[in-house]
């Protein structure tokens, strides 16, 4: 059977339709992949915010500890500078 111009045109149209159908069918999977990626990004964002809060809490604790050490330093220097006590007895 020889292909006529009409058959070639029909075959080309069918080929274009198939390519278009496959291309559009692939788009649906991207939507699901984007949803998965967005979910992962949301999870990572929550973890980063939690880590930032923990870091801020640790920073505040360190500042309080430094203030306490500064308060103790003066007393320690005063005790070290005091004259030595003689033992009893």
N, C-alpha and C. Protein backbone atom coordinates (compact mmCIF):
# COMPACT_ATOMS: atom_id res chain seq x y z
N UNK A 1 0.83 -1.18 0.00
CA UNK A 1 0.00 0.00 0.00
C UNK A 1 0.88 1.25 0.00
N UNK A 2 0.66 2.12 -0.97
CA UNK A 2 1.42 3.35 -1.08
C UNK A 2 0.75 4.44 -0.26
N UNK A 3 1.60 5.27 0.41
CA UNK A 3 1.04 6.36 1.20
C UNK A 3 0.75 7.55 0.30
N UNK A 4 -0.40 8.08 0.42
CA UNK A 4 -0.77 9.26 -0.34
C UNK A 4 -0.51 10.49 0.50
N UNK A 5 -0.63 11.65 -0.12
CA UNK A 5 -0.44 12.90 0.61
C UNK A 5 -1.43 13.01 1.77
N UNK A 6 -2.62 12.56 1.57
CA UNK A 6 -3.63 12.61 2.63
C UNK A 6 -3.24 11.70 3.79
N UNK A 7 -2.71 10.52 3.47
CA UNK A 7 -2.29 9.60 4.53
C UNK A 7 -1.08 10.16 5.29
N UNK A 8 -0.15 10.79 4.57
CA UNK A 8 1.00 11.40 5.23
C UNK A 8 0.56 12.54 6.16
N UNK A 9 -0.36 13.36 5.71
CA UNK A 9 -0.88 14.45 6.53
C UNK A 9 -1.57 13.90 7.77
N UNK A 10 -2.33 12.83 7.59
CA UNK A 10 -3.03 12.21 8.71
C UNK A 10 -2.01 11.63 9.71
N UNK A 11 -0.95 11.00 9.17
CA UNK A 11 0.08 10.42 10.03
C UNK A 11 0.81 11.51 10.81
N UNK A 12 1.11 12.63 10.15
CA UNK A 12 1.77 13.75 10.82
C UNK A 12 0.87 14.31 11.93
N UNK A 13 -0.39 14.50 11.65
CA UNK A 13 -1.34 15.01 12.64
C UNK A 13 -1.43 14.07 13.83
N UNK A 14 -1.49 12.77 13.54
CA UNK A 14 -1.54 11.79 14.62
C UNK A 14 -0.26 11.84 15.46
N UNK A 15 0.91 11.98 14.80
CA UNK A 15 2.18 12.06 15.51
C UNK A 15 2.26 13.29 16.41
N UNK A 16 1.81 14.43 15.90
CA UNK A 16 1.81 15.66 16.70
C UNK A 16 0.87 15.51 17.89
N UNK A 17 -0.29 14.89 17.67
CA UNK A 17 -1.24 14.68 18.75
C UNK A 17 -0.64 13.77 19.83
N UNK A 18 0.07 12.74 19.41
CA UNK A 18 0.70 11.82 20.38
C UNK A 18 1.77 12.54 21.20
N UNK A 19 2.61 13.34 20.52
CA UNK A 19 3.65 14.09 21.23
C UNK A 19 3.01 15.06 22.22
N UNK A 20 1.96 15.74 21.80
CA UNK A 20 1.28 16.69 22.68
C UNK A 20 0.67 15.97 23.88
N UNK A 21 0.07 14.81 23.65
CA UNK A 21 -0.54 14.06 24.75
C UNK A 21 0.50 13.60 25.76
N UNK A 22 1.63 13.11 25.26
CA UNK A 22 2.70 12.66 26.16
C UNK A 22 3.27 13.84 26.93
N UNK A 23 3.46 14.98 26.24
CA UNK A 23 3.99 16.18 26.90
C UNK A 23 3.06 16.67 28.00
N UNK A 24 1.77 16.74 27.70
CA UNK A 24 0.82 17.21 28.71
C UNK A 24 0.66 16.20 29.84
N UNK A 25 0.79 14.95 29.55
CA UNK A 25 0.72 13.92 30.59
C UNK A 25 1.88 14.03 31.56
N UNK A 26 3.03 14.45 31.07
CA UNK A 26 4.20 14.62 31.93
C UNK A 26 4.06 15.78 32.88
N UNK A 27 3.28 16.78 32.54
CA UNK A 27 3.10 17.95 33.40
C UNK A 27 2.44 17.58 34.72
N UNK A 28 1.57 16.61 34.71
CA UNK A 28 0.86 16.22 35.94
C UNK A 28 1.85 15.70 36.98
N UNK A 29 2.88 14.99 36.55
CA UNK A 29 3.85 14.47 37.52
C UNK A 29 4.67 15.60 38.12
N UNK A 30 4.91 16.67 37.36
CA UNK A 30 5.67 17.79 37.92
C UNK A 30 4.90 18.46 39.05
N UNK A 31 3.59 18.53 38.93
CA UNK A 31 2.77 19.12 39.99
C UNK A 31 2.95 18.35 41.29
N UNK A 32 2.95 17.04 41.20
CA UNK A 32 3.14 16.22 42.40
C UNK A 32 4.55 16.39 42.96
N UNK A 33 5.53 16.47 42.06
CA UNK A 33 6.91 16.65 42.52
C UNK A 33 7.09 18.00 43.19
N UNK A 34 6.47 19.05 42.63
CA UNK A 34 6.56 20.37 43.25
C UNK A 34 5.90 20.36 44.62
N UNK A 35 4.80 19.67 44.76
CA UNK A 35 4.13 19.57 46.06
C UNK A 35 5.03 18.87 47.07
N UNK A 36 5.71 17.82 46.63
CA UNK A 36 6.65 17.11 47.52
C UNK A 36 7.80 18.01 47.92
N UNK A 37 8.35 18.73 46.95
CA UNK A 37 9.47 19.63 47.23
C UNK A 37 9.03 20.73 48.19
N UNK A 38 7.85 21.31 47.96
CA UNK A 38 7.35 22.36 48.85
C UNK A 38 7.15 21.83 50.27
N UNK A 39 6.67 20.61 50.38
CA UNK A 39 6.50 20.00 51.70
C UNK A 39 7.84 19.85 52.41
N UNK A 40 8.83 19.41 51.66
CA UNK A 40 10.17 19.26 52.26
C UNK A 40 10.75 20.61 52.66
N UNK A 41 10.53 21.62 51.82
CA UNK A 41 11.01 22.97 52.16
C UNK A 41 10.34 23.49 53.42
N UNK A 42 9.04 23.25 53.56
CA UNK A 42 8.33 23.67 54.77
C UNK A 42 8.90 22.97 56.00
N UNK A 43 9.21 21.70 55.86
CA UNK A 43 9.78 20.94 56.97
C UNK A 43 11.15 21.49 57.34
N UNK A 44 11.97 21.76 56.33
CA UNK A 44 13.30 22.32 56.60
C UNK A 44 13.20 23.70 57.23
N UNK A 45 12.25 24.50 56.78
CA UNK A 45 12.06 25.83 57.35
C UNK A 45 11.71 25.74 58.83
N UNK A 46 10.84 24.80 59.18
CA UNK A 46 10.47 24.62 60.58
C UNK A 46 11.68 24.19 61.41
N UNK A 47 12.51 23.31 60.85
CA UNK A 47 13.71 22.87 61.57
C UNK A 47 14.70 24.02 61.76
N UNK A 48 14.85 24.85 60.73
CA UNK A 48 15.76 26.00 60.83
C UNK A 48 15.26 26.98 61.88
N UNK A 49 13.96 27.22 61.91
CA UNK A 49 13.41 28.13 62.92
C UNK A 49 13.61 27.57 64.32
N UNK A 50 13.44 26.26 64.48
CA UNK A 50 13.68 25.63 65.78
C UNK A 50 15.14 25.75 66.20
N UNK A 51 16.04 25.56 65.25
CA UNK A 51 17.46 25.68 65.55
C UNK A 51 17.81 27.12 65.91
N UNK A 52 17.22 28.08 65.23
CA UNK A 52 17.47 29.48 65.53
C UNK A 52 17.00 29.83 66.94
N UNK A 53 15.84 29.29 67.33
CA UNK A 53 15.33 29.54 68.68
C UNK A 53 16.24 28.90 69.72
N UNK A 54 16.72 27.71 69.44
CA UNK A 54 17.64 27.04 70.37
C UNK A 54 18.93 27.83 70.50
N UNK A 55 19.42 28.33 69.38
CA UNK A 55 20.66 29.13 69.41
C UNK A 55 20.46 30.41 70.21
N UNK A 56 19.31 31.04 70.04
CA UNK A 56 19.03 32.27 70.80
C UNK A 56 18.93 31.97 72.29
N UNK A 57 18.31 30.87 72.65
CA UNK A 57 18.20 30.48 74.05
C UNK A 57 19.58 30.20 74.64
N UNK A 58 20.41 29.50 73.88
CA UNK A 58 21.77 29.21 74.34
C UNK A 58 22.57 30.49 74.49
N UNK A 59 22.37 31.44 73.60
CA UNK A 59 23.07 32.72 73.67
C UNK A 59 22.66 33.49 74.93
N UNK A 60 21.37 33.48 75.24
CA UNK A 60 20.90 34.16 76.45
C UNK A 60 21.46 33.50 77.71
N UNK A 61 21.52 32.17 77.71
CA UNK A 61 22.09 31.45 78.86
C UNK A 61 23.57 31.78 79.02
N UNK A 62 24.27 31.86 77.91
CA UNK A 62 25.70 32.19 77.97
C UNK A 62 25.91 33.62 78.49
N UNK A 63 25.05 34.53 78.08
CA UNK A 63 25.16 35.91 78.57
C UNK A 63 24.91 35.97 80.08
N UNK A 64 23.94 35.22 80.55
CA UNK A 64 23.66 35.19 82.00
C UNK A 64 24.83 34.59 82.76
N UNK A 65 25.42 33.53 82.21
CA UNK A 65 26.58 32.91 82.86
C UNK A 65 27.75 33.89 82.90
N UNK A 66 27.96 34.63 81.83
CA UNK A 66 29.05 35.61 81.80
C UNK A 66 28.81 36.72 82.82
N UNK A 67 27.57 37.16 82.96
CA UNK A 67 27.26 38.18 83.97
C UNK A 67 27.56 37.66 85.37
N UNK A 68 27.19 36.42 85.62
CA UNK A 68 27.45 35.82 86.94
C UNK A 68 28.95 35.71 87.21
N UNK A 69 29.69 35.30 86.17
CA UNK A 69 31.16 35.23 86.33
C UNK A 69 31.76 36.60 86.59
N UNK A 70 31.25 37.62 85.92
CA UNK A 70 31.74 38.98 86.16
C UNK A 70 31.47 39.42 87.60
N UNK A 71 30.29 39.04 88.12
CA UNK A 71 29.97 39.39 89.51
C UNK A 71 30.90 38.66 90.48
N UNK A 72 31.23 37.42 90.18
CA UNK A 72 32.08 36.63 91.07
C UNK A 72 33.54 37.06 91.01
N UNK A 73 33.96 37.59 89.88
CA UNK A 73 35.37 37.93 89.70
C UNK A 73 35.85 38.95 90.73
N UNK A 74 35.05 39.96 90.98
CA UNK A 74 35.44 40.98 91.97
C UNK A 74 35.61 40.37 93.35
N UNK A 75 34.71 39.51 93.74
CA UNK A 75 34.79 38.86 95.07
C UNK A 75 36.02 37.97 95.15
N UNK A 76 36.32 37.24 94.07
CA UNK A 76 37.49 36.35 94.07
C UNK A 76 38.78 37.17 94.19
N UNK A 77 38.86 38.27 93.47
CA UNK A 77 40.06 39.11 93.57
C UNK A 77 40.22 39.69 94.97
N UNK A 78 39.10 40.02 95.56
CA UNK A 78 39.14 40.56 96.92
C UNK A 78 39.65 39.49 97.89
N UNK A 79 39.19 38.27 97.76
CA UNK A 79 39.64 37.20 98.64
C UNK A 79 41.11 36.87 98.41
N UNK A 80 41.55 36.91 97.17
CA UNK A 80 42.96 36.62 96.88
C UNK A 80 43.88 37.72 97.41
N UNK A 81 43.40 38.95 97.44
CA UNK A 81 44.22 40.07 97.90
C UNK A 81 44.23 40.19 99.42
N UNK A 82 43.34 39.52 100.11
CA UNK A 82 43.27 39.61 101.57
C UNK A 82 44.52 39.00 102.19
N UNK A 83 44.95 39.54 103.34
CA UNK A 83 46.14 38.96 103.99
C UNK A 83 45.87 37.52 104.41
N UNK A 84 46.91 36.74 104.39
CA UNK A 84 46.80 35.32 104.75
C UNK A 84 46.41 35.20 106.23
N UNK A 85 45.56 34.26 106.52
CA UNK A 85 45.13 34.04 107.91
C UNK A 85 46.10 33.07 108.57
N UNK A 86 46.34 33.34 109.84
CA UNK A 86 47.23 32.46 110.60
C UNK A 86 46.41 31.29 111.13
N UNK A 87 46.97 30.11 111.07
CA UNK A 87 46.23 28.94 111.59
C UNK A 87 46.08 29.05 113.11
N UNK A 88 45.02 28.47 113.63
CA UNK A 88 44.78 28.46 115.06
C UNK A 88 45.66 27.39 115.71
N UNK A 89 45.99 27.62 116.92
CA UNK A 89 46.59 26.58 117.71
C UNK A 89 47.96 26.69 117.96
